[in-house]
Amino acid sequence: MAIDEKRPFKPVNIALMTISDTRGREDDSSGDILAERIEKKGHNLVDRVIERDDVGSIVTQLHMWIDDENIDCIISTGGTGLTGRDVTPEALERVKSKDIPGFGELFRMLSYKTIGTSTVQSRACAVLARGTYIFALPGSNGAVKDGWDGILDTQLDSRHKPCNFVELMSRLRER
């Protein structure tokens, strides 16, 4: 597993959604962490919103972004817990074409190193929706760092070997 500096870096167009009933732009620290990492890596942050914990609102925004040919990938933060207001996985269920089960499995493995058995309360997940990647991370600062630093940083890097999500993008809508 390595970055092959001989390969070209291809920036990914990313939309960022924070899901919360209590956060606003001024205190969206997990969203700020992701936005900073996305831009520092050289990707394009093409849109950023805060949606309330409501399946319908989340699904509506996801459909708009999935239909936008300028967006390759959506990353959300928040709403992946176990409470009644945590509905992000249910929203993804409504838009998905395919599950990416390894994302949630790997996220919880990485998270276990940080928070121990509390990671079982996370429903972090990822799906493919009509050719667009969607990654749902928990809302804590530590969780978004684990998800970006431990998975997305390399999987959204076209130079990562032996394989990465970017090299599959042109084939995601194949039949």
C-alpha atoms as a PDB file:
ATOM      1  CA  MET A   1       0.000   0.000   0.000  1.00  0.00           C
ATOM      2  CA  ALA A   2       1.668   3.130  -1.183  1.00  0.00           C
ATOM      3  CA  ILE A   3       1.311   6.334  -3.110  1.00  0.00           C
ATOM      4  CA  ASP A   4       2.924   6.011  -6.540  1.00  0.00           C
ATOM      5  CA  GLU A   5       4.337   9.483  -7.211  1.00  0.00           C
ATOM      6  CA  LYS A   6       4.721   8.570 -10.918  1.00  0.00           C
ATOM      7  CA  ARG A   7       0.939   8.430 -11.307  1.00  0.00           C
ATOM      8  CA  PRO A   8      -0.957  11.700 -11.800  1.00  0.00           C
ATOM      9  CA  PHE A   9      -3.073  13.052  -8.941  1.00  0.00           C
ATOM     10  CA  LYS A  10      -6.689  13.505 -10.043  1.00  0.00           C
ATOM     11  CA  PRO A  11      -8.728  15.846  -7.842  1.00  0.00           C
ATOM     12  CA  VAL A  12     -12.146  14.540  -6.836  1.00  0.00           C
ATOM     13  CA  ASN A  13     -15.199  16.827  -6.720  1.00  0.00           C
ATOM     14  CA  ILE A  14     -16.648  16.383  -3.238  1.00  0.00           C
ATOM     15  CA  ALA A  15     -19.860  17.613  -1.586  1.00  0.00           C
ATOM     16  CA  LEU A  16     -19.940  17.735   2.209  1.00  0.00           C
ATOM     17  CA  MET A  17     -23.069  17.350   4.339  1.00  0.00           C
ATOM     18  CA  THR A  18     -23.218  17.805   8.091  1.00  0.00           C
ATOM     19  CA  ILE A  19     -26.332  16.221   9.569  1.00  0.00           C
ATOM     20  CA  SER A  20     -27.408  17.875  12.804  1.00  0.00           C
ATOM     21  CA  ASP A  21     -30.350  19.549  14.513  1.00  0.00           C
ATOM     22  CA  THR A  22     -28.046  21.483  16.816  1.00  0.00           C
ATOM     23  CA  ARG A  23     -25.034  22.633  14.784  1.00  0.00           C
ATOM     24  CA  GLY A  24     -24.729  25.683  12.596  1.00  0.00           C
ATOM     25  CA  ARG A  25     -21.915  26.698  10.269  1.00  0.00           C
ATOM     26  CA  GLU A  26     -20.184  28.589  13.096  1.00  0.00           C
ATOM     27  CA  ASP A  27     -19.814  25.473  15.281  1.00  0.00           C
ATOM     28  CA  ASP A  28     -19.603  22.675  12.706  1.00  0.00           C
ATOM     29  CA  SER A  29     -16.166  21.518  13.831  1.00  0.00           C
ATOM     30  CA  SER A  30     -16.352  18.040  12.252  1.00  0.00           C
ATOM     31  CA  GLY A  31     -17.432  19.581   8.945  1.00  0.00           C
ATOM     32  CA  ASP A  32     -14.584  22.094   9.230  1.00  0.00           C
ATOM     33  CA  ILE A  33     -12.074  19.276   9.782  1.00  0.00           C
ATOM     34  CA  LEU A  34     -13.283  17.427   6.684  1.00  0.00           C
ATOM     35  CA  ALA A  35     -13.381  20.583   4.546  1.00  0.00           C
ATOM     36  CA  GLU A  36      -9.808  21.400   5.560  1.00  0.00           C
ATOM     37  CA  ARG A  37      -8.561  17.890   4.795  1.00  0.00           C
ATOM     38  CA  ILE A  38     -10.403  17.749   1.447  1.00  0.00           C
ATOM     39  CA  GLU A  39      -8.883  21.016   0.277  1.00  0.00           C
ATOM     40  CA  LYS A  40      -5.419  20.322   1.720  1.00  0.00           C
ATOM     41  CA  LYS A  41      -5.299  17.069  -0.239  1.00  0.00           C
ATOM     42  CA  GLY A  42      -6.033  18.975  -3.463  1.00  0.00           C
ATOM     43  CA  HIS A  43      -9.638  17.907  -4.014  1.00  0.00           C
ATOM     44  CA  ASN A  44     -12.448  20.298  -4.908  1.00  0.00           C
ATOM     45  CA  LEU A  45     -15.036  21.030  -2.211  1.00  0.00           C
ATOM     46  CA  VAL A  46     -17.887  21.907  -4.570  1.00  0.00           C
ATOM     47  CA  ASP A  47     -20.696  22.262  -2.023  1.00  0.00           C
ATOM     48  CA  ARG A  48     -21.260  22.151   1.712  1.00  0.00           C
ATOM     49  CA  VAL A  49     -24.552  22.099   3.612  1.00  0.00           C
ATOM     50  CA  ILE A  50     -25.980  21.401   7.027  1.00  0.00           C
ATOM     51  CA  GLU A  51     -29.157  19.293   6.998  1.00  0.00           C
ATOM     52  CA  ARG A  52     -31.355  18.531   9.950  1.00  0.00           C
ATOM     53  CA  ASP A  53     -31.817  14.942  11.153  1.00  0.00           C
ATOM     54  CA  ASP A  54     -34.707  14.223   8.800  1.00  0.00           C
ATOM     55  CA  VAL A  55     -34.648  11.378   6.276  1.00  0.00           C
ATOM     56  CA  GLY A  56     -36.679  13.294   3.691  1.00  0.00           C
ATOM     57  CA  SER A  57     -34.441  16.375   3.816  1.00  0.00           C
ATOM     58  CA  ILE A  58     -31.291  14.296   3.621  1.00  0.00           C
ATOM     59  CA  VAL A  59     -32.612  12.214   0.716  1.00  0.00           C
ATOM     60  CA  THR A  60     -33.686  15.335  -1.207  1.00  0.00           C
ATOM     61  CA  GLN A  61     -30.204  16.863  -0.900  1.00  0.00           C
ATOM     62  CA  LEU A  62     -28.523  13.564  -1.774  1.00  0.00           C
ATOM     63  CA  HIS A  63     -30.618  13.215  -4.954  1.00  0.00           C
ATOM     64  CA  MET A  64     -29.670  16.750  -6.031  1.00  0.00           C
ATOM     65  CA  TRP A  65     -25.988  15.979  -5.594  1.00  0.00           C
ATOM     66  CA  ILE A  66     -26.201  12.497  -7.141  1.00  0.00           C
ATOM     67  CA  ASP A  67     -27.808  14.059 -10.227  1.00  0.00           C
ATOM     68  CA  ASP A  68     -25.112  16.754 -10.433  1.00  0.00           C
ATOM     69  CA  GLU A  69     -22.483  15.551 -12.908  1.00  0.00           C
ATOM     70  CA  ASN A  70     -19.959  17.865 -11.233  1.00  0.00           C
ATOM     71  CA  ILE A  71     -20.044  15.818  -7.984  1.00  0.00           C
ATOM     72  CA  ASP A  72     -18.099  12.559  -7.775  1.00  0.00           C
ATOM     73  CA  CYS A  73     -18.361  11.904  -4.075  1.00  0.00           C
ATOM     74  CA  ILE A  74     -20.464  12.899  -1.070  1.00  0.00           C
ATOM     75  CA  ILE A  75     -19.167  12.755   2.479  1.00  0.00           C
ATOM     76  CA  SER A  76     -21.560  13.192   5.393  1.00  0.00           C
ATOM     77  CA  THR A  77     -20.851  13.616   9.064  1.00  0.00           C
ATOM     78  CA  GLY A  78     -23.408  12.933  11.780  1.00  0.00           C
ATOM     79  CA  GLY A  79     -26.560  10.898  12.206  1.00  0.00           C
ATOM     80  CA  THR A  80     -24.909   7.462  12.280  1.00  0.00           C
ATOM     81  CA  GLY A  81     -25.573   6.622  15.925  1.00  0.00           C
ATOM     82  CA  LEU A  82     -28.348   4.645  17.574  1.00  0.00           C
ATOM     83  CA  THR A  83     -30.763   7.318  18.808  1.00  0.00           C
ATOM     84  CA  GLY A  84     -34.135   7.995  17.262  1.00  0.00           C
ATOM     85  CA  ARG A  85     -32.820  11.127  15.519  1.00  0.00           C
ATOM     86  CA  ASP A  86     -29.882   9.270  13.903  1.00  0.00           C
ATOM     87  CA  VAL A  87     -31.216   8.549  10.406  1.00  0.00           C
ATOM     88  CA  THR A  88     -28.294   8.890   7.989  1.00  0.00           C
ATOM     89  CA  PRO A  89     -27.995   5.161   7.140  1.00  0.00           C
ATOM     90  CA  GLU A  90     -31.766   5.049   6.529  1.00  0.00           C
ATOM     91  CA  ALA A  91     -31.443   7.976   4.119  1.00  0.00           C
ATOM     92  CA  LEU A  92     -28.604   6.257   2.254  1.00  0.00           C
ATOM     93  CA  GLU A  93     -30.722   3.124   2.025  1.00  0.00           C
ATOM     94  CA  ARG A  94     -33.263   5.122  -0.012  1.00  0.00           C
ATOM     95  CA  VAL A  95     -30.769   6.336  -2.620  1.00  0.00           C
ATOM     96  CA  LYS A  96     -28.229   3.526  -2.933  1.00  0.00           C
ATOM     97  CA  SER A  97     -27.479   1.322  -5.906  1.00  0.00           C
ATOM     98  CA  LYS A  98     -24.901  -0.781  -4.040  1.00  0.00           C
ATOM     99  CA  ASP A  99     -23.498  -1.080  -0.539  1.00  0.00           C
ATOM    100  CA  ILE A 100     -19.772  -0.725   0.135  1.00  0.00           C
ATOM    101  CA  PRO A 101     -19.687  -2.863   3.307  1.00  0.00           C
ATOM    102  CA  GLY A 102     -15.914  -2.825   3.720  1.00  0.00           C
ATOM    103  CA  PHE A 103     -15.985   0.904   4.481  1.00  0.00           C
ATOM    104  CA  GLY A 104     -18.014   0.527   7.677  1.00  0.00           C
ATOM    105  CA  GLU A 105     -16.088  -2.565   8.699  1.00  0.00           C
ATOM    106  CA  LEU A 106     -12.729  -0.850   8.272  1.00  0.00           C
ATOM    107  CA  PHE A 107     -13.979   2.339   9.940  1.00  0.00           C
ATOM    108  CA  ARG A 108     -15.019   0.423  13.063  1.00  0.00           C
ATOM    109  CA  MET A 109     -11.702  -1.439  13.123  1.00  0.00           C
ATOM    110  CA  LEU A 110      -9.806   1.877  13.031  1.00  0.00           C
ATOM    111  CA  SER A 111     -12.188   3.465  15.522  1.00  0.00           C
ATOM    112  CA  TYR A 112     -11.716   0.574  17.951  1.00  0.00           C
ATOM    113  CA  LYS A 113      -8.080   1.637  18.334  1.00  0.00           C
ATOM    114  CA  THR A 114      -9.270   5.065  19.490  1.00  0.00           C
ATOM    115  CA  ILE A 115     -12.500   4.483  21.445  1.00  0.00           C
ATOM    116  CA  GLY A 116     -12.503   0.755  22.159  1.00  0.00           C
ATOM    117  CA  THR A 117     -15.777  -1.133  22.270  1.00  0.00           C
ATOM    118  CA  SER A 118     -17.799   2.097  21.980  1.00  0.00           C
ATOM    119  CA  THR A 119     -17.271   1.751  18.225  1.00  0.00           C
ATOM    120  CA  VAL A 120     -20.109  -0.805  18.130  1.00  0.00           C
ATOM    121  CA  GLN A 121     -22.513   2.150  18.471  1.00  0.00           C
ATOM    122  CA  SER A 122     -21.407   3.532  15.096  1.00  0.00           C
ATOM    123  CA  ARG A 123     -23.351   2.830  11.930  1.00  0.00           C
ATOM    124  CA  ALA A 124     -20.756   4.447   9.656  1.00  0.00           C
ATOM    125  CA  CYS A 125     -21.382   3.193   6.156  1.00  0.00           C
ATOM    126  CA  ALA A 126     -20.841   3.814   2.461  1.00  0.00           C
ATOM    127  CA  VAL A 127     -22.867   3.271  -0.676  1.00  0.00           C
ATOM    128  CA  LEU A 128     -22.730   3.824  -4.377  1.00  0.00           C
ATOM    129  CA  ALA A 129     -25.726   5.760  -5.745  1.00  0.00           C
ATOM    130  CA  ARG A 130     -26.084   6.000  -9.522  1.00  0.00           C
ATOM    131  CA  GLY A 131     -22.325   6.326  -9.950  1.00  0.00           C
ATOM    132  CA  THR A 132     -21.680   8.634  -6.976  1.00  0.00           C
ATOM    133  CA  TYR A 133     -19.820   7.527  -3.866  1.00  0.00           C
ATOM    134  CA  ILE A 134     -21.450   8.395  -0.529  1.00  0.00           C
ATOM    135  CA  PHE A 135     -19.527   7.974   2.717  1.00  0.00           C
ATOM    136  CA  ALA A 136     -21.353   8.470   6.041  1.00  0.00           C
ATOM    137  CA  LEU A 137     -19.129   9.226   9.028  1.00  0.00           C
ATOM    138  CA  PRO A 138     -20.132   9.833  12.640  1.00  0.00           C
ATOM    139  CA  GLY A 139     -20.293  13.439  13.795  1.00  0.00           C
ATOM    140  CA  SER A 140     -17.440  13.548  16.287  1.00  0.00           C
ATOM    141  CA  ASN A 141     -14.146  15.206  15.451  1.00  0.00           C
ATOM    142  CA  GLY A 142     -12.259  12.009  16.235  1.00  0.00           C
ATOM    143  CA  ALA A 143     -14.492   9.952  13.973  1.00  0.00           C
ATOM    144  CA  VAL A 144     -14.080  12.215  10.954  1.00  0.00           C
ATOM    145  CA  LYS A 145     -10.315  12.184  11.493  1.00  0.00           C
ATOM    146  CA  ASP A 146     -10.363   8.363  11.671  1.00  0.00           C
ATOM    147  CA  GLY A 147     -12.512   8.118   8.550  1.00  0.00           C
ATOM    148  CA  TRP A 148     -10.532  10.606   6.471  1.00  0.00           C
ATOM    149  CA  ASP A 149      -7.015   9.847   7.678  1.00  0.00           C
ATOM    150  CA  GLY A 150      -7.486   6.083   7.848  1.00  0.00           C
ATOM    151  CA  ILE A 151      -9.540   5.428   4.703  1.00  0.00           C
ATOM    152  CA  LEU A 152     -10.621   8.302   2.480  1.00  0.00           C
ATOM    153  CA  ASP A 153      -7.277  10.091   2.248  1.00  0.00           C
ATOM    154  CA  THR A 154      -5.770   7.161   0.340  1.00  0.00           C
ATOM    155  CA  GLN A 155      -8.850   5.684  -1.318  1.00  0.00           C
ATOM    156  CA  LEU A 156      -9.673   9.065  -2.888  1.00  0.00           C
ATOM    157  CA  ASP A 157      -6.077   9.434  -4.108  1.00  0.00           C
ATOM    158  CA  SER A 158      -5.661   8.313  -7.725  1.00  0.00           C
ATOM    159  CA  ARG A 159      -2.014   7.445  -7.016  1.00  0.00           C
ATOM    160  CA  HIS A 160      -2.768   4.901  -4.271  1.00  0.00           C
ATOM    161  CA  LYS A 161      -1.746   1.332  -5.075  1.00  0.00           C
ATOM    162  CA  PRO A 162      -2.766  -1.385  -5.458  1.00  0.00           C
ATOM    163  CA  CYS A 163      -6.194   0.171  -6.091  1.00  0.00           C
ATOM    164  CA  ASN A 164      -8.385   3.132  -5.162  1.00  0.00           C
ATOM    165  CA  PHE A 165     -11.916   4.495  -5.578  1.00  0.00           C
ATOM    166  CA  VAL A 166     -10.829   7.131  -8.115  1.00  0.00           C
ATOM    167  CA  GLU A 167      -9.690   4.669 -10.765  1.00  0.00           C
ATOM    168  CA  LEU A 168     -13.155   3.073 -10.723  1.00  0.00           C
ATOM    169  CA  MET A 169     -15.103   6.326 -11.218  1.00  0.00           C
ATOM    170  CA  SER A 170     -15.222   6.151 -15.010  1.00  0.00           C
ATOM    171  CA  ARG A 171     -16.752   2.652 -14.814  1.00  0.00           C
ATOM    172  CA  LEU A 172     -19.319   3.103 -12.010  1.00  0.00           C
ATOM    173  CA  ARG A 173     -22.274   3.489 -14.378  1.00  0.00           C
ATOM    174  CA  GLU A 174     -21.421   0.454 -16.527  1.00  0.00           C
ATOM    175  CA  ARG A 175     -24.104  -2.090 -17.207  1.00  0.00           C
END
